[in-house]
Amino acid sequence: MDNACYKLMFFIGILNMLTMLMSALETGILGIIGAVYCDYPLLIYTTGTLGMAFWIAETSVEMLLAINRCMELLRPQLAHAIFSGNKLRCLFALPICYGFAVAMFTKPILFSGIYLSWFFNPYVGYTDDFGQIYYSPVSIINDCFIIFGLSTIYIVFSAIHSWKIYKISSGLQTSQPSLTQKMTFLQVIIISLVHSITAGIYVSMQFVKISKIYIIVGTYAWVFANGCPPVVYLLLNKRIRNDCANFGRAIFRFLRKGNNNSVSNGPTAMALATQNNAGNNANNRNNNNVQQQRSPNQHSAPLQSALGQEYGAAHLDQKTDG
């Protein structure tokens, strides 16, 4: 993964998997049992804090990815200078620090089994509080920035792309973006669009009363935002698709080799077991023969002893009579 774009995508994938533990798995379990914040306050508070941190970090990396794509198209040398080496590692650390700082020092989102979603208000469904006490202005600003920031970046990209196409058609420029660059940017647009829609739904949930169906759509949109990147990569990225196919074939060959070894070793193991049983049976027969050979001597010894006693008694009687 020498390309900075793939490193950013991989980092987003890690954050997506961590977030889905809360947005999909925990939400489903708590929704089935109909839990609210008062039932499991420590669990919901902790996971709500972590979920908020991962969401903010993930959307921040999405912004970096969009900026990287635009700079690769406009100034490739500048993009390589910024998104490479230790600079890229620092860029990875910034969203993580920013996400956990916001989550630790602002109100977390809390689960409500009434609406099957996460809110800043722990009493949602009982007491309406839209943007008054239970809300986080920093997270709201972050979501609004994601919505308008990503839109602005893509508008700028569209203008740059249109200008490049015009220059190519006019003969002012001969080089044009490769198919790989175009497909990569299409992947980024789709993923960022899903995140923008999810952010918009959750922002509106905190300020106005909306229908339960709309809230459930927002919950599924959050899960889809975390789960759609692998599908998008496999459909639109030939390199990732080929790597996954090669990895799958390697696993299949490994499993098939293991099965062949177990089958080939099977007759050998059975033959060894048969030989061992035959050897044990032969030893048992030899032991029985030895015992049978010893048994007459063992039975004659008591008989000889008895005859000796009778002979001694008769000889004693003769001496007495004499």
C-alpha atoms as a PDB file:
ATOM      1  CA  MET A   1       0.000   0.000   0.000  1.00  0.00           C
ATOM      2  CA  ASP A   2       2.420   2.635  -1.207  1.00  0.00           C
ATOM      3  CA  ASN A   3      -0.394   4.910  -2.348  1.00  0.00           C
ATOM      4  CA  ALA A   4      -1.599   7.319   0.357  1.00  0.00           C
ATOM      5  CA  CYS A   5      -5.170   6.925  -0.868  1.00  0.00           C
ATOM      6  CA  TYR A   6      -5.167   3.200  -0.086  1.00  0.00           C
ATOM      7  CA  LYS A   7      -3.657   3.841   3.339  1.00  0.00           C
ATOM      8  CA  LEU A   8      -6.431   6.304   4.136  1.00  0.00           C
ATOM      9  CA  MET A   9      -9.053   3.834   2.911  1.00  0.00           C
ATOM     10  CA  PHE A  10      -7.536   1.068   5.029  1.00  0.00           C
ATOM     11  CA  PHE A  11      -7.561   3.333   8.086  1.00  0.00           C
ATOM     12  CA  ILE A  12     -11.214   4.184   7.448  1.00  0.00           C
ATOM     13  CA  GLY A  13     -11.961   0.462   7.227  1.00  0.00           C
ATOM     14  CA  ILE A  14     -10.489  -0.148  10.684  1.00  0.00           C
ATOM     15  CA  LEU A  15     -12.599   2.659  12.156  1.00  0.00           C
ATOM     16  CA  ASN A  16     -15.671   1.283  10.371  1.00  0.00           C
ATOM     17  CA  MET A  17     -15.236  -2.154  11.936  1.00  0.00           C
ATOM     18  CA  LEU A  18     -14.821  -0.669  15.404  1.00  0.00           C
ATOM     19  CA  THR A  19     -17.873   1.550  14.964  1.00  0.00           C
ATOM     20  CA  MET A  20     -20.064  -1.312  13.732  1.00  0.00           C
ATOM     21  CA  LEU A  21     -19.608  -3.105  17.049  1.00  0.00           C
ATOM     22  CA  MET A  22     -21.679  -0.303  18.535  1.00  0.00           C
ATOM     23  CA  SER A  23     -23.846   0.969  15.662  1.00  0.00           C
ATOM     24  CA  ALA A  24     -24.898  -2.499  14.432  1.00  0.00           C
ATOM     25  CA  LEU A  25     -24.193  -5.265  16.969  1.00  0.00           C
ATOM     26  CA  GLU A  26     -24.959  -3.464  20.219  1.00  0.00           C
ATOM     27  CA  THR A  27     -27.851  -1.517  18.705  1.00  0.00           C
ATOM     28  CA  GLY A  28     -29.450  -4.766  17.542  1.00  0.00           C
ATOM     29  CA  ILE A  29     -29.072  -6.517  20.896  1.00  0.00           C
ATOM     30  CA  LEU A  30     -30.345  -3.550  22.916  1.00  0.00           C
ATOM     31  CA  GLY A  31     -33.194  -3.059  20.447  1.00  0.00           C
ATOM     32  CA  ILE A  32     -34.320  -6.690  20.796  1.00  0.00           C
ATOM     33  CA  ILE A  33     -34.559  -6.451  24.584  1.00  0.00           C
ATOM     34  CA  GLY A  34     -36.009  -2.914  24.416  1.00  0.00           C
ATOM     35  CA  ALA A  35     -33.354  -1.382  26.646  1.00  0.00           C
ATOM     36  CA  VAL A  36     -33.099   2.290  27.549  1.00  0.00           C
ATOM     37  CA  TYR A  37     -30.319   4.244  29.207  1.00  0.00           C
ATOM     38  CA  CYS A  38     -31.552   3.561  32.762  1.00  0.00           C
ATOM     39  CA  ASP A  39     -31.278  -0.222  32.232  1.00  0.00           C
ATOM     40  CA  TYR A  40     -27.565  -0.315  31.361  1.00  0.00           C
ATOM     41  CA  PRO A  41     -26.177   3.168  32.077  1.00  0.00           C
ATOM     42  CA  LEU A  42     -22.474   2.240  32.256  1.00  0.00           C
ATOM     43  CA  LEU A  43     -22.521   0.116  29.094  1.00  0.00           C
ATOM     44  CA  ILE A  44     -24.525   2.596  27.033  1.00  0.00           C
ATOM     45  CA  TYR A  45     -22.522   5.585  28.262  1.00  0.00           C
ATOM     46  CA  THR A  46     -19.158   3.916  27.529  1.00  0.00           C
ATOM     47  CA  THR A  47     -20.069   2.593  24.095  1.00  0.00           C
ATOM     48  CA  GLY A  48     -21.814   5.845  23.212  1.00  0.00           C
ATOM     49  CA  THR A  49     -18.622   7.740  24.003  1.00  0.00           C
ATOM     50  CA  LEU A  50     -16.487   5.361  21.936  1.00  0.00           C
ATOM     51  CA  GLY A  51     -18.980   5.369  19.081  1.00  0.00           C
ATOM     52  CA  MET A  52     -18.940   9.155  18.972  1.00  0.00           C
ATOM     53  CA  ALA A  53     -15.127   9.190  18.975  1.00  0.00           C
ATOM     54  CA  PHE A  54     -14.898   6.683  16.117  1.00  0.00           C
ATOM     55  CA  TRP A  55     -17.567   8.502  14.093  1.00  0.00           C
ATOM     56  CA  ILE A  56     -15.828  11.872  14.368  1.00  0.00           C
ATOM     57  CA  ALA A  57     -12.429  10.336  13.598  1.00  0.00           C
ATOM     58  CA  GLU A  58     -13.843   8.460  10.611  1.00  0.00           C
ATOM     59  CA  THR A  59     -15.550  11.493   9.090  1.00  0.00           C
ATOM     60  CA  SER A  60     -12.382  13.524   9.609  1.00  0.00           C
ATOM     61  CA  VAL A  61     -10.365  10.940   7.688  1.00  0.00           C
ATOM     62  CA  GLU A  62     -13.054  11.109   4.984  1.00  0.00           C
ATOM     63  CA  MET A  63     -12.278  14.809   4.654  1.00  0.00           C
ATOM     64  CA  LEU A  64      -8.564  14.057   4.337  1.00  0.00           C
ATOM     65  CA  LEU A  65      -9.309  11.437   1.699  1.00  0.00           C
ATOM     66  CA  ALA A  66     -11.410  13.857  -0.340  1.00  0.00           C
ATOM     67  CA  ILE A  67      -8.678  16.509  -0.111  1.00  0.00           C
ATOM     68  CA  ASN A  68      -6.096  13.924  -1.172  1.00  0.00           C
ATOM     69  CA  ARG A  69      -8.108  12.999  -4.259  1.00  0.00           C
ATOM     70  CA  CYS A  70      -8.491  16.621  -5.312  1.00  0.00           C
ATOM     71  CA  MET A  71      -4.808  17.365  -4.778  1.00  0.00           C
ATOM     72  CA  GLU A  72      -3.800  14.247  -6.741  1.00  0.00           C
ATOM     73  CA  LEU A  73      -5.782  15.618  -9.656  1.00  0.00           C
ATOM     74  CA  LEU A  74      -4.693  19.249  -9.324  1.00  0.00           C
ATOM     75  CA  ARG A  75      -1.130  19.107  -7.907  1.00  0.00           C
ATOM     76  CA  PRO A  76       0.237  15.521  -7.718  1.00  0.00           C
ATOM     77  CA  GLN A  77       3.663  16.665  -6.467  1.00  0.00           C
ATOM     78  CA  LEU A  78       2.128  18.640  -3.620  1.00  0.00           C
ATOM     79  CA  ALA A  79      -0.140  15.717  -2.714  1.00  0.00           C
ATOM     80  CA  HIS A  80       2.855  13.384  -2.542  1.00  0.00           C
ATOM     81  CA  ALA A  81       4.752  15.857  -0.361  1.00  0.00           C
ATOM     82  CA  ILE A  82       1.890  16.173   2.148  1.00  0.00           C
ATOM     83  CA  PHE A  83       0.515  12.620   2.185  1.00  0.00           C
ATOM     84  CA  SER A  84       3.732  10.627   2.542  1.00  0.00           C
ATOM     85  CA  GLY A  85       6.133   9.448   5.230  1.00  0.00           C
ATOM     86  CA  ASN A  86       5.889  10.889   8.714  1.00  0.00           C
ATOM     87  CA  LYS A  87       3.487  13.594   7.542  1.00  0.00           C
ATOM     88  CA  LEU A  88       0.893  10.937   6.753  1.00  0.00           C
ATOM     89  CA  ARG A  89       1.392   9.347  10.182  1.00  0.00           C
ATOM     90  CA  CYS A  90       0.743  12.724  11.806  1.00  0.00           C
ATOM     91  CA  LEU A  91      -2.370  13.099   9.674  1.00  0.00           C
ATOM     92  CA  PHE A  92      -3.552   9.724  10.988  1.00  0.00           C
ATOM     93  CA  ALA A  93      -2.999  10.819  14.585  1.00  0.00           C
ATOM     94  CA  LEU A  94      -4.907  14.099  14.262  1.00  0.00           C
ATOM     95  CA  PRO A  95      -8.387  12.591  13.618  1.00  0.00           C
ATOM     96  CA  ILE A  96      -7.935  10.085  16.442  1.00  0.00           C
ATOM     97  CA  CYS A  97      -6.963  12.790  18.936  1.00  0.00           C
ATOM     98  CA  TYR A  98      -9.739  15.061  17.699  1.00  0.00           C
ATOM     99  CA  GLY A  99     -12.375  12.328  17.926  1.00  0.00           C
ATOM    100  CA  PHE A 100     -11.504  11.232  21.452  1.00  0.00           C
ATOM    101  CA  ALA A 101     -11.172  14.833  22.651  1.00  0.00           C
ATOM    102  CA  VAL A 102     -14.689  15.637  21.459  1.00  0.00           C
ATOM    103  CA  ALA A 103     -16.091  12.396  22.884  1.00  0.00           C
ATOM    104  CA  MET A 104     -14.423  12.831  26.281  1.00  0.00           C
ATOM    105  CA  PHE A 105     -15.317  16.475  26.886  1.00  0.00           C
ATOM    106  CA  THR A 106     -18.816  16.643  25.412  1.00  0.00           C
ATOM    107  CA  LYS A 107     -22.069  14.759  25.980  1.00  0.00           C
ATOM    108  CA  PRO A 108     -22.143  11.261  24.472  1.00  0.00           C
ATOM    109  CA  ILE A 109     -24.932   9.731  22.434  1.00  0.00           C
ATOM    110  CA  LEU A 110     -27.176   7.317  24.369  1.00  0.00           C
ATOM    111  CA  PHE A 111     -29.329   4.458  23.124  1.00  0.00           C
ATOM    112  CA  SER A 112     -33.117   4.494  23.272  1.00  0.00           C
ATOM    113  CA  GLY A 113     -35.042   1.266  22.766  1.00  0.00           C
ATOM    114  CA  ILE A 114     -38.167   3.293  22.016  1.00  0.00           C
ATOM    115  CA  TYR A 115     -36.772   4.622  18.724  1.00  0.00           C
ATOM    116  CA  LEU A 116     -33.979   2.037  18.177  1.00  0.00           C
ATOM    117  CA  SER A 117     -31.404   4.787  17.786  1.00  0.00           C
ATOM    118  CA  TRP A 118     -28.892   6.955  19.647  1.00  0.00           C
ATOM    119  CA  PHE A 119     -29.646  10.426  21.020  1.00  0.00           C
ATOM    120  CA  PHE A 120     -28.025  12.999  23.257  1.00  0.00           C
ATOM    121  CA  ASN A 121     -31.220  13.113  25.327  1.00  0.00           C
ATOM    122  CA  PRO A 122     -31.462  10.076  27.669  1.00  0.00           C
ATOM    123  CA  TYR A 123     -35.184  10.788  28.217  1.00  0.00           C
ATOM    124  CA  VAL A 124     -36.166  10.856  24.562  1.00  0.00           C
ATOM    125  CA  GLY A 125     -39.698   9.560  24.181  1.00  0.00           C
ATOM    126  CA  TYR A 126     -40.605  10.866  27.639  1.00  0.00           C
ATOM    127  CA  THR A 127     -39.301  14.442  27.640  1.00  0.00           C
ATOM    128  CA  ASP A 128     -38.654  16.411  24.457  1.00  0.00           C
ATOM    129  CA  ASP A 129     -35.441  18.407  24.550  1.00  0.00           C
ATOM    130  CA  PHE A 130     -34.433  19.587  21.091  1.00  0.00           C
ATOM    131  CA  GLY A 131     -31.194  21.561  21.218  1.00  0.00           C
ATOM    132  CA  GLN A 132     -31.690  22.862  24.763  1.00  0.00           C
ATOM    133  CA  ILE A 133     -29.920  20.824  27.458  1.00  0.00           C
ATOM    134  CA  TYR A 134     -29.017  17.415  26.063  1.00  0.00           C
ATOM    135  CA  TYR A 135     -27.043  18.151  22.937  1.00  0.00           C
ATOM    136  CA  SER A 136     -23.415  18.504  21.880  1.00  0.00           C
ATOM    137  CA  PRO A 137     -22.666  21.655  19.887  1.00  0.00           C
ATOM    138  CA  VAL A 138     -19.210  20.400  18.862  1.00  0.00           C
ATOM    139  CA  SER A 139     -20.519  17.189  17.325  1.00  0.00           C
ATOM    140  CA  ILE A 140     -23.331  19.097  15.602  1.00  0.00           C
ATOM    141  CA  ILE A 141     -20.789  21.509  14.121  1.00  0.00           C
ATOM    142  CA  ASN A 142     -18.646  18.560  13.051  1.00  0.00           C
ATOM    143  CA  ASP A 143     -21.553  16.904  11.229  1.00  0.00           C
ATOM    144  CA  CYS A 144     -22.523  20.160   9.529  1.00  0.00           C
ATOM    145  CA  PHE A 145     -18.917  20.683   8.493  1.00  0.00           C
ATOM    146  CA  ILE A 146     -18.846  17.177   7.025  1.00  0.00           C
ATOM    147  CA  ILE A 147     -22.004  17.834   5.021  1.00  0.00           C
ATOM    148  CA  PHE A 148     -20.988  21.211   3.615  1.00  0.00           C
ATOM    149  CA  GLY A 149     -17.238  20.539   3.553  1.00  0.00           C
ATOM    150  CA  LEU A 150     -17.498  17.387   1.482  1.00  0.00           C
ATOM    151  CA  SER A 151     -20.003  19.065  -0.829  1.00  0.00           C
ATOM    152  CA  THR A 152     -17.629  21.995  -1.348  1.00  0.00           C
ATOM    153  CA  ILE A 153     -14.666  19.716  -2.034  1.00  0.00           C
ATOM    154  CA  TYR A 154     -16.581  17.740  -4.636  1.00  0.00           C
ATOM    155  CA  ILE A 155     -17.892  20.886  -6.306  1.00  0.00           C
ATOM    156  CA  VAL A 156     -14.295  22.086  -6.584  1.00  0.00           C
ATOM    157  CA  PHE A 157     -13.257  18.716  -7.949  1.00  0.00           C
ATOM    158  CA  SER A 158     -16.043  18.778 -10.538  1.00  0.00           C
ATOM    159  CA  ALA A 159     -14.927  22.233 -11.667  1.00  0.00           C
ATOM    160  CA  ILE A 160     -11.280  21.117 -11.918  1.00  0.00           C
ATOM    161  CA  HIS A 161     -12.226  17.954 -13.776  1.00  0.00           C
ATOM    162  CA  SER A 162     -14.412  19.881 -16.227  1.00  0.00           C
ATOM    163  CA  TRP A 163     -11.603  22.375 -16.835  1.00  0.00           C
ATOM    164  CA  LYS A 164      -9.139  19.573 -17.539  1.00  0.00           C
ATOM    165  CA  ILE A 165     -11.547  17.962 -19.986  1.00  0.00           C
ATOM    166  CA  TYR A 166     -11.962  21.319 -21.737  1.00  0.00           C
ATOM    167  CA  LYS A 167      -8.178  21.747 -21.999  1.00  0.00           C
ATOM    168  CA  ILE A 168      -7.785  18.241 -23.410  1.00  0.00           C
ATOM    169  CA  SER A 169     -10.527  18.778 -25.985  1.00  0.00           C
ATOM    170  CA  SER A 170      -8.991  22.138 -26.959  1.00  0.00           C
ATOM    171  CA  GLY A 171      -5.530  20.618 -27.385  1.00  0.00           C
ATOM    172  CA  LEU A 172      -4.052  22.663 -24.555  1.00  0.00           C
ATOM    173  CA  GLN A 173      -3.266  19.541 -22.535  1.00  0.00           C
ATOM    174  CA  THR A 174      -2.476  16.017 -23.669  1.00  0.00           C
ATOM    175  CA  SER A 175      -2.415  14.079 -20.386  1.00  0.00           C
ATOM    176  CA  GLN A 176      -5.649  13.110 -18.723  1.00  0.00           C
ATOM    177  CA  PRO A 177      -6.589  11.277 -15.516  1.00  0.00           C
ATOM    178  CA  SER A 178      -6.216   7.524 -15.786  1.00  0.00           C
ATOM    179  CA  LEU A 179      -9.097   5.093 -15.416  1.00  0.00           C
ATOM    180  CA  THR A 180      -7.732   4.007 -12.035  1.00  0.00           C
ATOM    181  CA  GLN A 181      -7.791   7.575 -10.730  1.00  0.00           C
ATOM    182  CA  LYS A 182     -11.345   8.084 -11.964  1.00  0.00           C
ATOM    183  CA  MET A 183     -12.596   4.850 -10.393  1.00  0.00           C
ATOM    184  CA  THR A 184     -10.832   5.619  -7.118  1.00  0.00           C
ATOM    185  CA  PHE A 185     -12.441   9.035  -6.939  1.00  0.00           C
ATOM    186  CA  LEU A 186     -15.843   7.494  -7.718  1.00  0.00           C
ATOM    187  CA  GLN A 187     -15.381   5.189  -4.722  1.00  0.00           C
ATOM    188  CA  VAL A 188     -14.547   8.148  -2.505  1.00  0.00           C
ATOM    189  CA  ILE A 189     -17.599  10.076  -3.729  1.00  0.00           C
ATOM    190  CA  ILE A 190     -19.993   7.192  -3.003  1.00  0.00           C
ATOM    191  CA  ILE A 191     -18.626   6.543   0.490  1.00  0.00           C
ATOM    192  CA  SER A 192     -18.560  10.233   1.389  1.00  0.00           C
ATOM    193  CA  LEU A 193     -22.101  10.731   0.066  1.00  0.00           C
ATOM    194  CA  VAL A 194     -23.415   8.005   2.372  1.00  0.00           C
ATOM    195  CA  HIS A 195     -21.626   9.582   5.341  1.00  0.00           C
ATOM    196  CA  SER A 196     -23.043  13.006   4.485  1.00  0.00           C
ATOM    197  CA  ILE A 197     -26.603  11.650   4.355  1.00  0.00           C
ATOM    198  CA  THR A 198     -26.130   9.889   7.700  1.00  0.00           C
ATOM    199  CA  ALA A 199     -24.725  13.039   9.302  1.00  0.00           C
ATOM    200  CA  GLY A 200     -27.651  15.092   7.981  1.00  0.00           C
ATOM    201  CA  ILE A 201     -30.220  12.689   9.437  1.00  0.00           C
ATOM    202  CA  TYR A 202     -28.585  12.660  12.866  1.00  0.00           C
ATOM    203  CA  VAL A 203     -28.269  16.440  12.943  1.00  0.00           C
ATOM    204  CA  SER A 204     -31.976  16.859  12.212  1.00  0.00           C
ATOM    205  CA  MET A 205     -32.859  14.289  14.897  1.00  0.00           C
ATOM    206  CA  GLN A 206     -31.337  16.520  17.583  1.00  0.00           C
ATOM    207  CA  PHE A 207     -33.306  19.663  16.750  1.00  0.00           C
ATOM    208  CA  VAL A 208     -36.734  18.699  15.419  1.00  0.00           C
ATOM    209  CA  LYS A 209     -39.204  15.945  16.180  1.00  0.00           C
ATOM    210  CA  ILE A 210     -39.271  13.523  13.284  1.00  0.00           C
ATOM    211  CA  SER A 211     -41.142  10.303  12.606  1.00  0.00           C
ATOM    212  CA  LYS A 212     -39.948   6.966  13.936  1.00  0.00           C
ATOM    213  CA  ILE A 213     -39.505   5.625  10.407  1.00  0.00           C
ATOM    214  CA  TYR A 214     -37.148   8.481   9.590  1.00  0.00           C
ATOM    215  CA  ILE A 215     -35.141   7.735  12.741  1.00  0.00           C
ATOM    216  CA  ILE A 216     -34.863   4.031  11.854  1.00  0.00           C
ATOM    217  CA  VAL A 217     -33.718   5.034   8.370  1.00  0.00           C
ATOM    218  CA  GLY A 218     -30.980   7.069  10.036  1.00  0.00           C
ATOM    219  CA  THR A 219     -29.921   4.049  12.116  1.00  0.00           C
ATOM    220  CA  TYR A 220     -29.669   1.852   9.027  1.00  0.00           C
ATOM    221  CA  ALA A 221     -27.873   4.651   7.183  1.00  0.00           C
ATOM    222  CA  TRP A 222     -25.210   4.684   9.909  1.00  0.00           C
ATOM    223  CA  VAL A 223     -24.764   0.912   9.625  1.00  0.00           C
ATOM    224  CA  PHE A 224     -24.662   1.181   5.838  1.00  0.00           C
ATOM    225  CA  ALA A 225     -22.082   3.983   6.029  1.00  0.00           C
ATOM    226  CA  ASN A 226     -19.821   1.676   8.043  1.00  0.00           C
ATOM    227  CA  GLY A 227     -20.485  -1.441   5.985  1.00  0.00           C
ATOM    228  CA  CYS A 228     -20.643  -0.151   2.409  1.00  0.00           C
ATOM    229  CA  PRO A 229     -16.906   0.582   1.800  1.00  0.00           C
ATOM    230  CA  PRO A 230     -15.917  -3.099   1.287  1.00  0.00           C
ATOM    231  CA  VAL A 231     -18.772  -3.554  -1.195  1.00  0.00           C
ATOM    232  CA  VAL A 232     -17.806  -0.384  -3.060  1.00  0.00           C
ATOM    233  CA  TYR A 233     -14.145  -1.418  -3.155  1.00  0.00           C
ATOM    234  CA  LEU A 234     -14.934  -4.892  -4.502  1.00  0.00           C
ATOM    235  CA  LEU A 235     -17.274  -3.557  -7.179  1.00  0.00           C
ATOM    236  CA  LEU A 236     -15.202  -0.620  -8.425  1.00  0.00           C
ATOM    237  CA  ASN A 237     -11.581  -1.397  -7.539  1.00  0.00           C
ATOM    238  CA  LYS A 238     -10.012  -4.031  -9.788  1.00  0.00           C
ATOM    239  CA  ARG A 239      -6.802  -4.248  -7.772  1.00  0.00           C
ATOM    240  CA  ILE A 240      -8.597  -4.968  -4.499  1.00  0.00           C
ATOM    241  CA  ARG A 241     -10.882  -7.423  -6.276  1.00  0.00           C
ATOM    242  CA  ASN A 242      -7.916  -9.342  -7.716  1.00  0.00           C
ATOM    243  CA  ASP A 243      -6.103  -9.356  -4.360  1.00  0.00           C
ATOM    244  CA  CYS A 244      -9.188 -10.778  -2.627  1.00  0.00           C
ATOM    245  CA  ALA A 245      -9.540 -13.445  -5.334  1.00  0.00           C
ATOM    246  CA  ASN A 246      -5.877 -14.437  -4.963  1.00  0.00           C
ATOM    247  CA  PHE A 247      -6.235 -14.559  -1.195  1.00  0.00           C
ATOM    248  CA  GLY A 248      -9.322 -16.760  -1.484  1.00  0.00           C
ATOM    249  CA  ARG A 249      -7.572 -19.137  -3.886  1.00  0.00           C
ATOM    250  CA  ALA A 250      -4.584 -19.379  -1.524  1.00  0.00           C
ATOM    251  CA  ILE A 251      -6.877 -20.325   1.374  1.00  0.00           C
ATOM    252  CA  PHE A 252      -8.657 -22.911  -0.806  1.00  0.00           C
ATOM    253  CA  ARG A 253      -5.359 -24.492  -1.866  1.00  0.00           C
ATOM    254  CA  PHE A 254      -4.194 -24.614   1.755  1.00  0.00           C
ATOM    255  CA  LEU A 255      -7.400 -26.323   2.893  1.00  0.00           C
ATOM    256  CA  ARG A 256      -7.361 -28.776  -0.005  1.00  0.00           C
ATOM    257  CA  LYS A 257      -3.717 -29.644   0.706  1.00  0.00           C
ATOM    258  CA  GLY A 258      -4.577 -30.320   4.339  1.00  0.00           C
ATOM    259  CA  ASN A 259      -7.462 -32.616   3.345  1.00  0.00           C
ATOM    260  CA  ASN A 260      -5.255 -34.519   0.888  1.00  0.00           C
ATOM    261  CA  ASN A 261      -2.614 -35.061   3.575  1.00  0.00           C
ATOM    262  CA  SER A 262      -5.196 -36.400   6.009  1.00  0.00           C
ATOM    263  CA  VAL A 263      -6.601 -38.796   3.385  1.00  0.00           C
ATOM    264  CA  SER A 264      -3.153 -40.035   2.307  1.00  0.00           C
ATOM    265  CA  ASN A 265      -2.075 -40.570   5.897  1.00  0.00           C
ATOM    266  CA  GLY A 266      -5.254 -42.473   6.694  1.00  0.00           C
ATOM    267  CA  PRO A 267      -4.317 -45.935   5.176  1.00  0.00           C
ATOM    268  CA  THR A 268      -0.826 -45.700   6.652  1.00  0.00           C
ATOM    269  CA  ALA A 269      -2.235 -45.071  10.093  1.00  0.00           C
ATOM    270  CA  MET A 270      -4.681 -47.968   9.683  1.00  0.00           C
ATOM    271  CA  ALA A 271      -1.863 -50.290   8.553  1.00  0.00           C
ATOM    272  CA  LEU A 272       0.243 -49.324  11.560  1.00  0.00           C
ATOM    273  CA  ALA A 273      -2.683 -49.924  13.862  1.00  0.00           C
ATOM    274  CA  THR A 274      -3.284 -53.370  12.288  1.00  0.00           C
ATOM    275  CA  GLN A 275       0.379 -54.292  12.691  1.00  0.00           C
ATOM    276  CA  ASN A 276       0.334 -53.218  16.319  1.00  0.00           C
ATOM    277  CA  ASN A 277      -2.776 -55.294  16.993  1.00  0.00           C
ATOM    278  CA  ALA A 278      -1.229 -58.337  15.291  1.00  0.00           C
ATOM    279  CA  GLY A 279       1.936 -57.925  17.344  1.00  0.00           C
ATOM    280  CA  ASN A 280      -0.062 -57.664  20.550  1.00  0.00           C
ATOM    281  CA  ASN A 281      -2.051 -60.794  19.693  1.00  0.00           C
ATOM    282  CA  ALA A 282       1.176 -62.736  18.980  1.00  0.00           C
ATOM    283  CA  ASN A 283       2.637 -61.657  22.304  1.00  0.00           C
ATOM    284  CA  ASN A 284      -0.514 -62.736  24.088  1.00  0.00           C
ATOM    285  CA  ARG A 285      -0.378 -66.175  22.441  1.00  0.00           C
ATOM    286  CA  ASN A 286       3.287 -66.627  23.441  1.00  0.00           C
ATOM    287  CA  ASN A 287       2.481 -65.708  27.017  1.00  0.00           C
ATOM    288  CA  ASN A 288      -0.354 -68.235  27.108  1.00  0.00           C
ATOM    289  CA  ASN A 289       1.943 -71.002  25.783  1.00  0.00           C
ATOM    290  CA  VAL A 290       4.558 -70.233  28.414  1.00  0.00           C
ATOM    291  CA  GLN A 291       1.927 -70.373  31.118  1.00  0.00           C
ATOM    292  CA  GLN A 292       0.612 -73.680  29.809  1.00  0.00           C
ATOM    293  CA  GLN A 293       4.146 -75.141  29.798  1.00  0.00           C
ATOM    294  CA  ARG A 294       4.690 -74.048  33.369  1.00  0.00           C
ATOM    295  CA  SER A 295       1.326 -75.264  34.654  1.00  0.00           C
ATOM    296  CA  PRO A 296       2.129 -79.100  34.823  1.00  0.00           C
ATOM    297  CA  ASN A 297       5.147 -78.439  36.989  1.00  0.00           C
ATOM    298  CA  GLN A 298       3.118 -76.160  39.160  1.00  0.00           C
ATOM    299  CA  HIS A 299       0.416 -78.845  39.627  1.00  0.00           C
ATOM    300  CA  SER A 300       2.947 -81.717  40.253  1.00  0.00           C
ATOM    301  CA  ALA A 301       4.666 -79.903  43.081  1.00  0.00           C
ATOM    302  CA  PRO A 302       1.725 -80.204  45.517  1.00  0.00           C
ATOM    303  CA  LEU A 303       1.222 -83.861  44.521  1.00  0.00           C
ATOM    304  CA  GLN A 304       4.859 -84.733  45.252  1.00  0.00           C
ATOM    305  CA  SER A 305       4.612 -82.957  48.573  1.00  0.00           C
ATOM    306  CA  ALA A 306       1.514 -84.937  49.529  1.00  0.00           C
ATOM    307  CA  LEU A 307       3.132 -88.289  48.566  1.00  0.00           C
ATOM    308  CA  GLY A 308       6.212 -87.401  50.600  1.00  0.00           C
ATOM    309  CA  GLN A 309       4.100 -86.707  53.641  1.00  0.00           C
ATOM    310  CA  GLU A 310       2.273 -90.060  53.305  1.00  0.00           C
ATOM    311  CA  TYR A 311       5.587 -91.939  52.885  1.00  0.00           C
ATOM    312  CA  GLY A 312       7.005 -90.273  55.982  1.00  0.00           C
ATOM    313  CA  ALA A 313       3.964 -91.179  58.049  1.00  0.00           C
ATOM    314  CA  ALA A 314       4.114 -94.862  56.959  1.00  0.00           C
ATOM    315  CA  HIS A 315       7.826 -95.084  57.735  1.00  0.00           C
ATOM    316  CA  LEU A 316       7.171 -93.633  61.216  1.00  0.00           C
ATOM    317  CA  ASP A 317       4.489 -96.269  61.871  1.00  0.00           C
ATOM    318  CA  GLN A 318       6.860 -99.090  60.950  1.00  0.00           C
ATOM    319  CA  LYS A 319       9.427 -97.789  63.412  1.00  0.00           C
ATOM    320  CA  THR A 320       6.814 -97.651  66.147  1.00  0.00           C
ATOM    321  CA  ASP A 321       5.691-101.245  65.536  1.00  0.00           C
ATOM    322  CA  GLY A 322       9.238-102.477  65.631  1.00  0.00           C
END
